Amino acid sequence: MSDSPDIFAAGGVEAPIAPAPSEAQPYRVLARKYRPSSFAELIGQDAMVQTLGNAIKRDRLAHAFLMTGVRGVGKTSTARLIAKALNCIGEDGQGGPTIDPCGKCEPCRSIAEGSFIDVIEMDAASHTGVDDVREIIEAVRYSSVSARYKIYIIDEVHMLSKNAFNALLKTLEEPPAHVKFIFATTEVNKVPITVLSRCQRFDLKRIKAEQLSTHFGNIVEKEGVQAEQEALDLIAQAAEGSVRDGLSILDQAIAHADMEGGGDVKASQIREMLGLSDRSAVRRLFGLLLEADSKALLDAIDEQYRVGVEPLSLMNGLLSLCHQVTLYKVGRANDPTLSDEAKAQLSGWSENLSYPVLHRLWQLLLKGFEEVQQAHMPREACDMALLRVLCAADMPDPGELAKMLQQGTAPAAPPPVEAAPITPTVAVHEAPPAPVADVPSQTAQPLPVEASVEEQVPEQQSPSNNLPQDFQGVIDIVGGVSPVLESILIADMRIISYSAPIIEYQSARPIAPSDLKKITDALKDATGTVWTIQEGQGEAKPSISEQAQLDKDAATQAILDTPLVKAAFEAFPDAELLENDAEQAAAQSRPESRSSQA
C-alpha cells in the first residue's frame, strides 16, 4: 500500500512533512580548505605577485610560466590563480585580465572547482610519454571554447621523458596566441635548459617561520580553536617553510589536543607529538662528550639504542646541537622550539667553548657521521666515533700546540699510552742491567725504555729509507700507476716544500680531492707510508711543465740573440722563428761547437 499524500487528503488529515535527507559533508583538511583563492591570500611571494601584476597591466604576458620551489609553497595554487587572473571576466562579464580576479564570474568559479574546460591540468608524473605531449600539441591548434585563453597546467614537469620535452619544444617556443603554458616543479635542475629558456621562471621561496605562525593563528581563529602562541611557533618551525606541511601538522595538532582540557593546542602537546622532547637526551649526550666521561657516554648511547634511536640519527642530532651552540656563540640563536632550560644550557656552552673547540667538534662529529653512514656495523662505528671525540676534548688547538712546541713545553703523552703493558715488558727484558744500576732510581726506568724501543723496533722506520728523495721520484712512482695522475703532478703542482712523506704545494689549476686521494693511495701502496699532500702558502717553484716551458723559452731567446739570427730579422722584419726551426738551429749548433773544440 502506497503512503501517497492522496490518502491523507481523503481522510482530511494533513500529510506530515518528510524530513530532508541529511547530506554528509566530508571533512576537508586544512591544506585544501584554506588554499589561497586570490593573490592577496598568497603569503610570502610578494615579488612574484608584483611582477605578474605589472605584466598584466602593461599587457606583457609571457606565453609560458615555470613555478619552482620546495613542496607546499604554492606552486599549483599560483598556477590556478594565474589561470583565474587571465580568464576573469568580472561580475558584469565585461572585465579583462586582472591581478585581482573577482572569484564570482563563471570562469573564476569553474577554475576554483577544477571543472573549467579551457584550463587543462596534467600530472607529468603519470603522463610522461611523448604520446601525452602529442595530444597537447594537437589540441593547441583549436581555440578555447568559452575562455579568453586556453591554459595548460603541467605539474611535476621534470618527470617528462627526454623525447616528450623535445616534442614540446617547438610548440612551447611559438604557441598560438590563445594558449598559455604553466609548469610547476620541485626539481628545476632536471628540466632541460632548452625548456627553461622558453619560460618565464618564478622561484617561490620558503615561507618565513614568523609569517607561517601568523597565518596559522588566523586559521585556528577561523576554526574556533584556541592555541598557544608557542605551539604555533613550534608548528611553524617544524614546517620548514612549507605552508602545506605546516597545515598538515596543525590539523594533526588539533586532533591531538586534549578534549577534556577544552581542546586547546598546547606547546607541551606539540613537543610530544613531534618528538621534540628527545632533544634533551641529545643534549645530555653532548654534555658527556664535553665532560670526557667515557663510561657514562657509552651508557647513554646504549640507552638511546634500546629506545629505538638509530646511530645515524644520533650523530645527526649531535651535529645539529653543535651548530646551535655555534649560533648562540655568534648571537644568531632564534629557535622557538627550545625550552627555557635548553636555551640556558646552550647559552652556557657557548660562553665556555671557544670557536676553535666548536669547529673541531663539528669536524670530528661530521667525520663520525660519514663513518657511521658507510659502516657495516653502525652501532659500533657510533661508539668509536664518539669516543674519538671524547679523547680529543682535552687536546690543545693547533695554534696553542705550535706555541708549546716552540717554547719546549709540549704536553706529555696521555696516561693510557704510558701505562701500556707491552713496551715496558720488552724494555725490562732487553735493556742491559748496567745503566740501570748507575743511574738514580727516579730516572732508571725511562732511559732503558726509550733505548729498548729504538733497538727493538727499527723496522718501523725502515719505510722512510725507501721514500723518494725528491719530487721527481714521486712522479716516477705515480706514473707507473696512472698517466693521468702523473700529468697532474707534472702540470698542476707548484712545490713549496718537499719533505717525504709531506708535500706542500700551490696549484696551477684546481686539483680534485679525489685525485689527491688516489695519489696518496698510490704512494702509500708503493712505500708503505701514509703521505700528506696539502696546499699551503709561500713561495713555490714552477711546476715541472712550467719549468720545461721556461727552459724552452730561454733556449729560443738564446737563438734569437745570436748575431746571425738578428741580422736575418733586420733584413726580413716580417720573418718568424718557427718551433721546428729553433729545434733544428739548436741541433746544428751542437756539432759546430764540438768541431770547433776539436
Protein backbone atom coordinates (compact mmCIF):
# COMPACT_ATOMS: atom_id res chain seq x y z
CA MET A 1 0.00 0.00 0.00
CA SER A 2 1.46 3.32 -1.00
CA ASP A 3 1.77 6.18 1.50
CA SER A 4 0.88 8.90 -1.00
CA PRO A 5 -0.40 12.37 0.01
CA ASP A 6 -3.80 11.49 -1.54
CA ILE A 7 -4.53 9.06 1.29
CA PHE A 8 -4.07 11.76 3.93
CA ALA A 9 -6.16 14.21 1.87
CA ALA A 10 -9.04 11.72 1.63
CA GLY A 11 -9.11 11.36 5.40
CA GLY A 12 -8.94 15.08 5.98
CA VAL A 13 -5.58 14.77 7.68
CA GLU A 14 -2.66 16.98 6.78
CA ALA A 15 0.24 15.00 5.42
CA PRO A 16 3.38 15.09 7.61
CA ILE A 17 6.43 16.88 6.30
CA ALA A 18 9.04 14.38 5.20
CA PRO A 19 12.42 15.08 6.76
CA ALA A 20 15.07 16.18 4.30
CA PRO A 21 17.79 13.62 3.83
CA SER A 22 20.92 14.66 5.67
CA GLU A 23 23.83 15.14 3.33
CA ALA A 24 27.04 14.09 5.00
CA GLN A 25 29.70 16.65 4.16
CA PRO A 26 33.13 15.04 4.04
CA TYR A 27 35.80 16.72 6.14
CA ARG A 28 38.24 18.82 4.15
CA VAL A 29 41.75 19.03 5.53
CA LEU A 30 43.05 22.49 6.32
CA ALA A 31 45.57 22.41 3.47
CA ARG A 32 42.68 22.16 0.96
CA LYS A 33 40.16 24.25 2.85
CA TYR A 34 42.46 27.27 3.14
CA ARG A 35 44.12 27.10 -0.27
CA PRO A 36 44.53 30.73 -1.44
CA SER A 37 41.74 31.89 -3.74
CA SER A 38 43.40 35.20 -4.67
CA PHE A 39 46.89 36.65 -4.86
CA ALA A 40 46.16 38.65 -1.72
CA GLU A 41 45.87 35.39 0.24
CA LEU A 42 49.16 34.05 -1.16
CA ILE A 43 51.76 34.67 1.55
CA GLY A 44 55.50 35.10 1.18
CA GLN A 45 55.65 35.57 -2.62
CA ASP A 46 55.33 39.34 -2.96
CA ALA A 47 57.98 39.70 -5.68
CA MET A 48 56.22 37.24 -7.96
CA VAL A 49 52.81 38.85 -7.41
CA GLN A 50 54.22 42.28 -8.23
CA THR A 51 55.86 41.00 -11.42
CA LEU A 52 52.66 39.32 -12.61
CA GLY A 53 50.56 42.37 -11.73
CA ASN A 54 52.81 44.71 -13.71
CA ALA A 55 52.90 42.29 -16.65
CA ILE A 56 49.08 42.16 -16.77
CA LYS A 57 48.72 45.95 -16.51
CA ARG A 58 51.27 46.53 -19.29
CA ASP A 59 49.94 43.67 -21.45
CA ARG A 60 53.37 41.98 -21.41
CA LEU A 61 52.22 38.46 -20.61
CA ALA A 62 54.63 35.62 -21.30
CA HIS A 63 53.39 32.58 -23.19
CA ALA A 64 54.87 30.13 -20.67
CA PHE A 65 55.50 30.29 -16.93
CA LEU A 66 57.62 27.99 -14.74
CA MET A 67 56.96 27.77 -10.98
CA THR A 68 59.71 26.15 -8.94
CA GLY A 69 60.29 25.71 -5.22
CA VAL A 70 60.08 23.20 -2.38
CA ARG A 71 56.90 21.30 -1.66
CA GLY A 72 53.95 23.20 -0.23
CA VAL A 73 54.93 26.79 -1.03
CA GLY A 74 52.06 27.34 -3.50
CA LYS A 75 53.22 26.33 -7.00
CA THR A 76 49.97 24.66 -8.13
CA SER A 77 47.86 27.23 -6.30
CA THR A 78 49.75 30.02 -8.07
CA ALA A 79 49.18 28.33 -11.42
CA ARG A 80 45.43 28.27 -10.80
CA LEU A 81 45.48 31.89 -9.68
CA ILE A 82 47.23 32.88 -12.92
CA ALA A 83 44.56 30.98 -14.86
CA LYS A 84 41.89 32.93 -12.96
CA ALA A 85 43.67 36.24 -13.50
CA LEU A 86 43.94 35.72 -17.26
CA ASN A 87 40.38 34.45 -17.80
CA CYS A 88 38.39 36.56 -15.31
CA ILE A 89 35.57 38.49 -16.99
CA GLY A 90 34.29 40.28 -13.87
CA GLU A 91 30.86 40.17 -12.29
CA ASP A 92 29.40 42.18 -15.16
CA GLY A 93 31.04 39.96 -17.78
CA GLN A 94 32.98 42.86 -19.30
CA GLY A 95 36.25 42.62 -17.39
CA GLY A 96 39.70 41.78 -18.73
CA PRO A 97 42.84 40.17 -17.28
CA THR A 98 43.47 41.39 -13.75
CA ILE A 99 45.74 40.58 -10.84
CA ASP A 100 42.66 40.66 -8.60
CA PRO A 101 40.16 38.15 -10.10
CA CYS A 102 36.64 38.58 -8.82
CA GLY A 103 36.11 34.95 -7.85
CA LYS A 104 32.41 35.21 -8.72
CA CYS A 105 32.24 35.00 -12.50
CA GLU A 106 31.79 31.67 -14.23
CA PRO A 107 35.48 31.20 -15.23
CA CYS A 108 36.70 32.00 -11.70
CA ARG A 109 34.26 29.63 -10.02
CA SER A 110 34.84 26.82 -12.52
CA ILE A 111 38.62 27.11 -12.28
CA ALA A 112 38.41 27.00 -8.47
CA GLU A 113 36.30 23.84 -8.70
CA GLY A 114 38.63 22.31 -11.29
CA SER A 115 35.88 21.91 -13.89
CA PHE A 116 36.70 24.67 -16.39
CA ILE A 117 37.01 23.17 -19.85
CA ASP A 118 39.68 25.58 -21.08
CA VAL A 119 42.06 25.06 -18.14
CA ILE A 120 43.64 21.63 -18.52
CA GLU A 121 45.68 20.27 -15.61
CA MET A 122 48.03 17.36 -16.25
CA ASP A 123 50.21 15.42 -13.84
CA ALA A 124 53.50 14.77 -15.63
CA ALA A 125 54.35 12.03 -13.14
CA SER A 126 51.65 9.81 -14.64
CA HIS A 127 51.80 11.23 -18.21
CA THR A 128 55.48 11.06 -19.00
CA GLY A 129 55.49 9.85 -22.60
CA VAL A 130 55.70 11.57 -25.93
CA ASP A 131 52.15 10.41 -26.80
CA ASP A 132 50.73 12.51 -23.93
CA VAL A 133 52.57 15.57 -25.19
CA ARG A 134 51.45 14.85 -28.76
CA GLU A 135 47.83 15.15 -27.58
CA ILE A 136 48.60 18.60 -26.21
CA ILE A 137 50.29 19.64 -29.45
CA GLU A 138 47.25 18.55 -31.45
CA ALA A 139 44.81 20.29 -29.10
CA VAL A 140 46.53 23.70 -29.01
CA ARG A 141 45.64 24.30 -32.64
CA TYR A 142 41.99 24.74 -31.66
CA SER A 143 40.87 27.93 -29.95
CA SER A 144 39.36 27.98 -26.47
CA VAL A 145 35.70 27.10 -26.04
CA SER A 146 34.49 29.86 -23.74
CA ALA A 147 37.55 31.50 -22.18
CA ARG A 148 39.99 34.17 -23.22
CA TYR A 149 42.96 31.78 -23.00
CA LYS A 150 43.35 28.03 -23.14
CA ILE A 151 45.75 27.25 -20.30
CA TYR A 152 47.74 24.05 -19.77
CA ILE A 153 48.98 23.45 -16.20
CA ILE A 154 51.58 20.66 -16.10
CA ASP A 155 52.55 19.67 -12.56
CA GLU A 156 55.90 18.00 -11.77
CA VAL A 157 57.04 18.79 -15.28
CA HIS A 158 60.54 17.43 -14.60
CA MET A 159 59.05 13.91 -14.81
CA LEU A 160 58.50 14.19 -18.57
CA SER A 161 60.76 11.99 -20.67
CA LYS A 162 63.52 13.43 -22.87
CA ASN A 163 61.53 12.68 -26.02
CA ALA A 164 58.44 14.34 -24.53
CA PHE A 165 60.41 17.52 -23.79
CA ASN A 166 61.84 17.54 -27.31
CA ALA A 167 58.38 17.12 -28.82
CA LEU A 168 57.09 20.07 -26.80
CA LEU A 169 59.90 22.49 -27.65
CA LYS A 170 58.60 23.94 -30.93
CA THR A 171 55.05 24.42 -29.64
CA LEU A 172 56.38 25.88 -26.39
CA GLU A 173 58.51 28.43 -28.24
CA GLU A 174 55.80 29.60 -30.67
CA PRO A 175 52.37 28.68 -29.27
CA PRO A 176 49.15 30.15 -30.68
CA ALA A 177 48.10 33.47 -29.19
CA HIS A 178 45.22 31.89 -27.28
CA VAL A 179 47.40 29.33 -25.42
CA LYS A 180 49.40 29.72 -22.20
CA PHE A 181 51.57 27.08 -20.54
CA ILE A 182 52.19 26.96 -16.78
CA PHE A 183 54.71 24.44 -15.44
CA ALA A 184 55.33 23.51 -11.81
CA THR A 185 58.27 21.51 -10.47
CA THR A 186 60.20 20.83 -7.27
CA GLU A 187 63.37 19.80 -9.14
CA VAL A 188 64.11 22.50 -11.67
CA ASN A 189 67.62 21.13 -12.24
CA LYS A 190 66.04 18.17 -14.07
CA VAL A 191 64.24 20.40 -16.56
CA PRO A 192 66.24 20.80 -19.82
CA ILE A 193 67.80 24.20 -20.34
CA THR A 194 66.05 24.40 -23.70
CA VAL A 195 62.71 24.41 -21.86
CA LEU A 196 63.86 26.84 -19.17
CA SER A 197 64.96 29.35 -21.80
CA ARG A 198 61.44 29.39 -23.25
CA CYS A 199 59.66 30.11 -19.95
CA GLN A 200 59.32 33.00 -17.55
CA ARG A 201 60.67 31.49 -14.35
CA PHE A 202 59.48 32.24 -10.81
CA ASP A 203 61.35 30.79 -7.83
CA LEU A 204 58.85 30.52 -4.97
CA LYS A 205 60.66 30.98 -1.67
CA ARG A 206 60.26 29.16 1.61
CA ILE A 207 57.87 31.00 3.91
CA LYS A 208 59.43 32.54 6.99
CA ALA A 209 58.51 31.00 10.33
CA GLU A 210 57.07 34.32 11.57
CA GLN A 211 54.70 34.56 8.59
CA LEU A 212 53.64 30.94 8.98
CA SER A 213 52.93 31.43 12.69
CA THR A 214 50.73 34.45 11.95
CA HIS A 215 48.97 32.57 9.15
CA PHE A 216 48.26 29.59 11.41
CA GLY A 217 46.95 31.93 14.08
CA ASN A 218 44.36 33.32 11.66
CA ILE A 219 43.31 29.81 10.64
CA VAL A 220 42.80 28.48 14.18
CA GLU A 221 40.73 31.60 14.89
CA LYS A 222 38.51 30.80 11.91
CA GLU A 223 38.26 27.18 13.05
CA GLY A 224 37.18 28.27 16.54
CA VAL A 225 40.19 26.59 18.20
CA GLN A 226 42.36 28.05 20.94
CA ALA A 227 46.11 27.63 20.52
CA GLU A 228 49.11 28.85 22.48
CA GLN A 229 51.43 31.15 20.56
CA GLU A 230 54.39 28.94 21.46
CA ALA A 231 52.55 25.97 19.95
CA LEU A 232 52.03 27.86 16.69
CA ASP A 233 55.72 28.82 16.68
CA LEU A 234 56.68 25.17 17.12
CA ILE A 235 54.49 24.13 14.19
CA ALA A 236 55.87 26.92 12.01
CA GLN A 237 59.43 25.86 12.82
CA ALA A 238 58.69 22.21 12.07
CA ALA A 239 57.07 23.13 8.72
CA GLU A 240 60.47 24.25 7.34
CA GLY A 241 58.97 26.94 5.13
CA SER A 242 56.16 24.80 3.65
CA VAL A 243 52.60 26.03 4.16
CA ARG A 244 51.09 22.64 3.31
CA ASP A 245 53.38 20.80 5.73
CA GLY A 246 52.53 23.28 8.46
CA LEU A 247 48.78 22.97 7.88
CA SER A 248 49.05 19.18 7.99
CA ILE A 249 50.84 19.39 11.33
CA LEU A 250 48.26 21.89 12.59
CA ASP A 251 45.46 19.55 11.53
CA GLN A 252 47.12 16.75 13.47
CA ALA A 253 47.70 19.01 16.47
CA ILE A 254 44.01 20.00 16.66
CA ALA A 255 43.04 16.32 16.56
CA HIS A 256 45.71 15.54 19.18
CA ALA A 257 44.52 18.27 21.56
CA ASP A 258 43.01 17.10 24.85
CA MET A 259 39.23 17.30 24.56
CA GLU A 260 38.76 17.42 28.33
CA GLY A 261 41.07 20.42 28.56
CA GLY A 262 38.90 22.44 26.20
CA GLY A 263 40.59 21.28 23.00
CA ASP A 264 43.36 23.88 23.25
CA VAL A 265 46.53 23.30 21.26
CA LYS A 266 49.38 23.49 23.77
CA ALA A 267 53.12 23.66 23.25
CA SER A 268 53.79 20.66 25.50
CA GLN A 269 51.50 18.50 23.37
CA ILE A 270 53.20 19.69 20.18
CA ARG A 271 56.63 18.77 21.58
CA GLU A 272 55.34 15.33 22.49
CA MET A 273 53.62 14.85 19.14
CA LEU A 274 56.67 15.91 17.10
CA GLY A 275 59.16 14.07 19.26
CA LEU A 276 60.96 17.25 20.28
CA SER A 277 61.37 16.01 23.84
CA ASP A 278 64.12 13.63 22.61
CA ARG A 279 66.40 16.63 22.22
CA SER A 280 67.08 16.53 25.94
CA ALA A 281 68.75 13.14 25.52
CA VAL A 282 70.97 14.53 22.77
CA ARG A 283 71.92 17.50 24.97
CA ARG A 284 72.79 15.12 27.81
CA LEU A 285 74.98 13.13 25.41
CA PHE A 286 76.66 16.33 24.21
CA GLY A 287 77.40 17.30 27.80
CA LEU A 288 79.02 13.91 28.46
CA LEU A 289 81.25 14.46 25.43
CA LEU A 290 82.44 17.76 26.86
CA GLU A 291 82.98 16.21 30.31
CA ALA A 292 85.02 13.34 28.80
CA ASP A 293 83.10 10.73 30.83
CA SER A 294 83.57 7.63 28.67
CA LYS A 295 81.58 5.17 30.82
CA ALA A 296 78.56 7.45 31.14
CA LEU A 297 78.83 8.24 27.42
CA LEU A 298 78.64 4.57 26.40
CA ASP A 299 75.74 4.01 28.81
CA ALA A 300 73.84 6.93 27.26
CA ILE A 301 74.43 5.57 23.75
CA ASP A 302 73.15 2.15 24.88
CA GLU A 303 70.04 3.75 26.34
CA GLN A 304 69.27 5.62 23.11
CA TYR A 305 69.84 2.46 21.08
CA ARG A 306 67.45 0.49 23.29
CA VAL A 307 64.64 3.01 22.85
CA GLY A 308 64.99 2.75 19.06
CA VAL A 309 67.16 5.73 18.11
CA GLU A 310 69.31 4.88 15.10
CA PRO A 311 73.05 5.62 15.41
CA LEU A 312 72.95 7.84 12.31
CA SER A 313 70.05 9.84 13.78
CA LEU A 314 72.03 10.24 16.99
CA MET A 315 75.05 11.61 15.13
CA ASN A 316 72.76 13.93 13.17
CA GLY A 317 71.27 15.27 16.41
CA LEU A 318 74.74 15.95 17.85
CA LEU A 319 75.75 17.79 14.68
CA SER A 320 72.61 19.93 14.84
CA LEU A 321 73.27 20.69 18.51
CA CYS A 322 76.88 21.71 17.79
CA HIS A 323 75.57 24.05 15.10
CA GLN A 324 73.06 25.56 17.53
CA VAL A 325 75.75 26.19 20.14
CA THR A 326 77.86 27.95 17.50
CA LEU A 327 74.88 30.12 16.53
CA TYR A 328 74.47 31.06 20.19
CA LYS A 329 78.15 31.96 20.20
CA VAL A 330 77.73 34.45 17.34
CA GLY A 331 74.40 35.77 18.66
CA ARG A 332 72.18 34.31 15.93
CA ALA A 333 70.07 31.97 18.09
CA ASN A 334 66.36 32.07 17.24
CA ASP A 335 64.75 28.67 17.79
CA PRO A 336 61.29 28.87 19.38
CA THR A 337 61.14 25.09 19.69
CA LEU A 338 63.64 25.11 22.59
CA SER A 339 62.54 25.21 26.19
CA ASP A 340 63.94 27.76 28.65
CA GLU A 341 66.12 25.08 30.23
CA ALA A 342 67.59 24.13 26.85
CA LYS A 343 68.24 27.77 25.96
CA ALA A 344 70.10 28.29 29.24
CA GLN A 345 72.16 25.17 28.63
CA LEU A 346 73.11 26.20 25.10
CA SER A 347 73.96 29.69 26.28
CA GLY A 348 76.28 28.26 28.96
CA TRP A 349 78.09 26.04 26.47
CA SER A 350 78.51 28.92 24.03
CA GLU A 351 80.19 31.02 26.75
CA ASN A 352 82.56 28.27 27.84
CA LEU A 353 83.56 26.87 24.44
CA SER A 354 85.86 28.79 22.11
CA TYR A 355 85.46 28.97 18.35
CA PRO A 356 88.39 26.59 17.66
CA VAL A 357 86.90 23.98 20.01
CA LEU A 358 83.46 24.26 18.41
CA HIS A 359 84.88 23.97 14.91
CA ARG A 360 86.96 20.95 15.95
CA LEU A 361 83.88 19.34 17.49
CA TRP A 362 81.97 19.93 14.26
CA GLN A 363 84.71 18.38 12.13
CA LEU A 364 85.03 15.32 14.39
CA LEU A 365 81.26 14.79 14.51
CA LEU A 366 80.95 15.28 10.75
CA LYS A 367 83.69 12.71 10.16
CA GLY A 368 81.95 10.35 12.57
CA PHE A 369 78.62 10.86 10.77
CA GLU A 370 80.22 9.83 7.46
CA GLU A 371 81.79 6.76 9.06
CA VAL A 372 78.51 5.65 10.64
CA GLN A 373 76.69 6.24 7.35
CA GLN A 374 79.09 3.96 5.46
CA ALA A 375 79.80 1.38 8.18
CA HIS A 376 78.54 -2.20 8.07
CA MET A 377 78.18 -2.01 11.87
CA PRO A 378 76.68 1.43 12.56
CA ARG A 379 76.26 0.81 16.29
CA GLU A 380 79.96 0.04 16.84
CA ALA A 381 81.03 2.83 14.47
CA CYS A 382 78.97 5.31 16.51
CA ASP A 383 80.71 4.20 19.73
CA MET A 384 84.17 4.57 18.22
CA ALA A 385 83.41 7.93 16.61
CA LEU A 386 82.09 9.46 19.85
CA LEU A 387 84.96 8.02 21.89
CA ARG A 388 87.34 9.69 19.44
CA VAL A 389 85.54 12.99 20.03
CA LEU A 390 85.81 12.43 23.76
CA CYS A 391 89.56 11.75 23.60
CA ALA A 392 90.11 14.91 21.55
CA ALA A 393 88.23 17.11 24.02
CA ASP A 394 91.35 17.92 26.09
CA MET A 395 93.69 18.42 23.15
CA PRO A 396 95.01 21.96 22.60
CA ASP A 397 94.14 23.65 19.33
CA PRO A 398 96.84 23.69 16.62
CA GLY A 399 97.87 27.27 17.41
CA GLU A 400 98.47 26.54 21.08
CA LEU A 401 100.26 23.31 20.22
CA ALA A 402 102.63 25.16 17.87
CA LYS A 403 103.45 27.66 20.63
CA MET A 404 104.11 24.82 23.07
CA LEU A 405 106.48 23.16 20.61
CA GLN A 406 108.36 26.42 20.06
CA GLN A 407 108.66 27.03 23.80
CA GLY A 408 109.56 23.43 24.54
CA THR A 409 106.51 22.95 26.76
CA ALA A 410 104.60 20.39 24.71
CA PRO A 411 102.08 18.36 26.77
CA ALA A 412 103.14 14.94 27.92
CA ALA A 413 101.76 11.80 26.37
CA PRO A 414 98.36 10.67 27.69
CA PRO A 415 98.48 8.31 30.70
CA PRO A 416 96.90 5.33 28.85
CA VAL A 417 99.81 5.31 26.40
CA GLU A 418 102.41 5.44 29.21
CA ALA A 419 100.67 2.64 31.02
CA ALA A 420 100.58 0.32 28.01
CA PRO A 421 102.00 -3.00 29.24
CA ILE A 422 103.69 -4.22 26.06
CA THR A 423 106.53 -1.69 25.72
CA PRO A 424 107.77 -1.74 29.37
CA THR A 425 107.94 -5.56 29.46
CA VAL A 426 110.09 -5.61 26.32
CA ALA A 427 112.30 -2.88 27.78
CA VAL A 428 112.88 -4.74 31.06
CA HIS A 429 113.96 -7.94 29.32
CA GLU A 430 116.06 -6.42 26.57
CA ALA A 431 117.70 -3.44 28.26
CA PRO A 432 121.21 -4.09 29.73
CA PRO A 433 121.32 -4.01 33.53
CA ALA A 434 124.48 -1.88 33.88
CA PRO A 435 122.95 1.54 33.04
CA VAL A 436 120.11 0.85 35.45
CA ALA A 437 122.49 0.42 38.34
CA ASP A 438 124.49 3.60 37.56
CA VAL A 439 121.51 5.90 37.12
CA PRO A 440 119.40 7.27 40.03
CA SER A 441 116.22 5.36 40.73
CA GLN A 442 113.92 8.16 39.57
CA THR A 443 115.38 8.12 36.03
CA ALA A 444 116.35 4.49 35.74
CA GLN A 445 113.13 3.32 34.18
CA PRO A 446 112.51 5.82 31.31
CA LEU A 447 116.02 5.59 29.83
CA PRO A 448 116.13 1.86 29.08
CA VAL A 449 112.53 2.01 27.84
CA GLU A 450 113.45 4.61 25.17
CA ALA A 451 116.66 2.83 24.24
CA SER A 452 114.94 -0.51 24.01
CA VAL A 453 112.18 0.86 21.79
CA GLU A 454 114.73 2.25 19.35
CA GLU A 455 116.65 -1.03 19.35
CA GLN A 456 113.68 -3.35 19.23
CA VAL A 457 111.58 -1.66 16.53
CA PRO A 458 113.96 -0.50 13.80
CA GLU A 459 111.67 -1.90 11.12
CA GLN A 460 109.01 0.77 11.90
CA GLN A 461 111.35 3.43 10.49
CA SER A 462 112.58 1.34 7.60
CA PRO A 463 109.92 2.64 5.16
CA SER A 464 111.42 6.16 5.42
CA ASN A 465 114.68 4.83 3.94
CA ASN A 466 112.74 3.82 0.82
CA LEU A 467 110.99 7.14 0.36
CA PRO A 468 111.83 9.07 -2.83
CA GLN A 469 114.47 11.72 -2.19
CA ASP A 470 112.88 14.34 -4.43
CA PHE A 471 109.63 15.18 -6.18
CA GLN A 472 110.78 13.51 -9.41
CA GLY A 473 110.84 10.21 -7.53
CA VAL A 474 107.19 10.78 -6.56
CA ILE A 475 106.32 11.40 -10.22
CA ASP A 476 108.07 8.17 -11.22
CA ILE A 477 106.09 6.14 -8.65
CA VAL A 478 102.71 7.66 -9.53
CA GLY A 479 103.45 7.47 -13.28
CA GLY A 480 103.76 3.73 -13.00
CA VAL A 481 100.20 3.60 -11.64
CA SER A 482 98.33 6.17 -13.75
CA PRO A 483 99.46 8.50 -16.57
CA VAL A 484 96.57 10.83 -15.69
CA LEU A 485 97.74 11.25 -12.09
CA GLU A 486 101.32 11.70 -13.37
CA SER A 487 100.15 14.57 -15.61
CA ILE A 488 98.52 16.24 -12.58
CA LEU A 489 101.82 16.15 -10.67
CA ILE A 490 103.74 17.48 -13.69
CA ALA A 491 101.37 20.23 -14.85
CA ASP A 492 99.31 21.31 -11.82
CA MET A 493 101.59 21.19 -8.73
CA ARG A 494 103.97 24.01 -7.82
CA ILE A 495 106.07 22.66 -4.96
CA ILE A 496 106.57 24.85 -1.88
CA SER A 497 108.41 22.26 0.18
CA TYR A 498 109.18 18.56 -0.14
CA SER A 499 110.00 16.53 2.96
CA ALA A 500 108.85 12.96 2.43
CA PRO A 501 106.19 11.91 3.28
CA ILE A 502 104.86 15.51 3.37
CA ILE A 503 104.41 17.59 0.23
CA GLU A 504 103.24 21.20 0.39
CA TYR A 505 102.20 22.78 -2.88
CA GLN A 506 100.31 25.50 -4.68
CA SER A 507 98.00 24.53 -7.54
CA ALA A 508 98.49 25.88 -11.04
CA ARG A 509 94.97 24.60 -11.76
CA PRO A 510 92.35 23.24 -9.32
CA ILE A 511 93.04 19.63 -8.32
CA ALA A 512 90.09 17.42 -7.36
CA PRO A 513 90.23 15.95 -3.82
CA SER A 514 89.52 12.52 -5.30
CA ASP A 515 92.67 12.78 -7.46
CA LEU A 516 94.76 13.77 -4.42
CA LYS A 517 93.44 10.73 -2.57
CA LYS A 518 94.36 8.45 -5.49
CA ILE A 519 97.90 9.91 -5.50
CA THR A 520 98.36 9.40 -1.75
CA ASP A 521 96.97 5.88 -2.00
CA ALA A 522 99.42 5.04 -4.80
CA LEU A 523 102.34 6.41 -2.75
CA LYS A 524 101.20 4.51 0.33
CA ASP A 525 100.98 1.25 -1.62
CA ALA A 526 104.45 1.79 -3.07
CA THR A 527 106.28 2.99 0.07
CA GLY A 528 104.23 1.59 2.96
CA THR A 529 103.98 5.10 4.45
CA VAL A 530 100.98 7.41 4.80
CA TRP A 531 101.62 10.55 2.73
CA THR A 532 100.28 14.06 3.33
CA ILE A 533 99.80 16.26 0.26
CA GLN A 534 98.41 19.65 1.26
CA GLU A 535 98.01 23.09 -0.28
CA GLY A 536 99.94 25.85 1.50
CA GLN A 537 101.14 29.42 1.37
CA GLY A 538 104.57 30.74 0.47
CA GLU A 539 106.98 30.91 -2.41
CA ALA A 540 106.53 27.98 -4.78
CA LYS A 541 108.66 26.67 -7.60
CA PRO A 542 107.18 26.44 -11.10
CA SER A 543 105.54 23.17 -11.95
CA ILE A 544 107.52 20.63 -13.98
CA SER A 545 105.56 21.58 -17.08
CA GLU A 546 106.02 25.31 -16.46
CA GLN A 547 109.75 24.84 -15.86
CA ALA A 548 110.07 22.93 -19.14
CA GLN A 549 108.32 25.76 -20.94
CA LEU A 550 110.64 28.33 -19.28
CA ASP A 551 113.68 26.33 -20.38
CA LYS A 552 112.31 26.11 -23.89
CA ASP A 553 111.65 29.87 -23.99
CA ALA A 554 115.15 30.54 -22.73
CA ALA A 555 116.63 28.33 -25.47
CA THR A 556 114.56 30.13 -28.10
CA GLN A 557 115.66 33.51 -26.78
CA ALA A 558 119.28 32.38 -26.92
CA ILE A 559 118.85 31.57 -30.60
CA LEU A 560 117.22 34.96 -31.24
CA ASP A 561 120.14 36.70 -29.57
CA THR A 562 122.75 35.20 -31.94
CA PRO A 563 124.20 37.77 -34.42
CA LEU A 564 123.23 35.74 -37.49
CA VAL A 565 119.56 35.48 -36.48
CA LYS A 566 119.45 39.16 -35.51
CA ALA A 567 120.81 40.10 -38.91
CA ALA A 568 118.20 37.90 -40.59
CA PHE A 569 115.34 39.58 -38.70
CA GLU A 570 116.72 43.04 -39.55
CA ALA A 571 116.77 42.10 -43.23
CA PHE A 572 113.33 40.45 -43.09
CA PRO A 573 111.24 42.23 -40.39
CA ASP A 574 108.16 40.06 -41.06
CA ALA A 575 110.04 36.80 -40.60
CA GLU A 576 109.10 34.40 -37.78
CA LEU A 577 111.14 31.80 -35.96
CA LEU A 578 109.16 28.58 -36.10
CA GLU A 579 109.41 25.97 -33.41
CA ASN A 580 110.92 23.38 -35.75
CA ASP A 581 113.44 25.96 -36.97
CA ALA A 582 114.50 26.65 -33.39
CA GLU A 583 114.98 22.96 -32.70
CA GLN A 584 117.00 22.49 -35.88
CA ALA A 585 119.12 25.54 -35.14
CA ALA A 586 119.85 24.24 -31.66
CA ALA A 587 120.71 20.81 -33.07
CA GLN A 588 123.04 22.28 -35.68
CA SER A 589 124.80 24.47 -33.16
CA ARG A 590 125.85 21.47 -31.07
CA PRO A 591 128.07 19.68 -33.69
CA GLU A 592 129.59 23.00 -34.70
CA SER A 593 130.68 23.62 -31.15
CA ARG A 594 132.19 20.14 -30.94
CA SER A 595 134.09 20.64 -34.19
CA SER A 596 135.45 23.94 -33.01
CA GLN A 597 136.69 22.34 -29.84
CA ALA A 598 138.34 19.62 -31.91
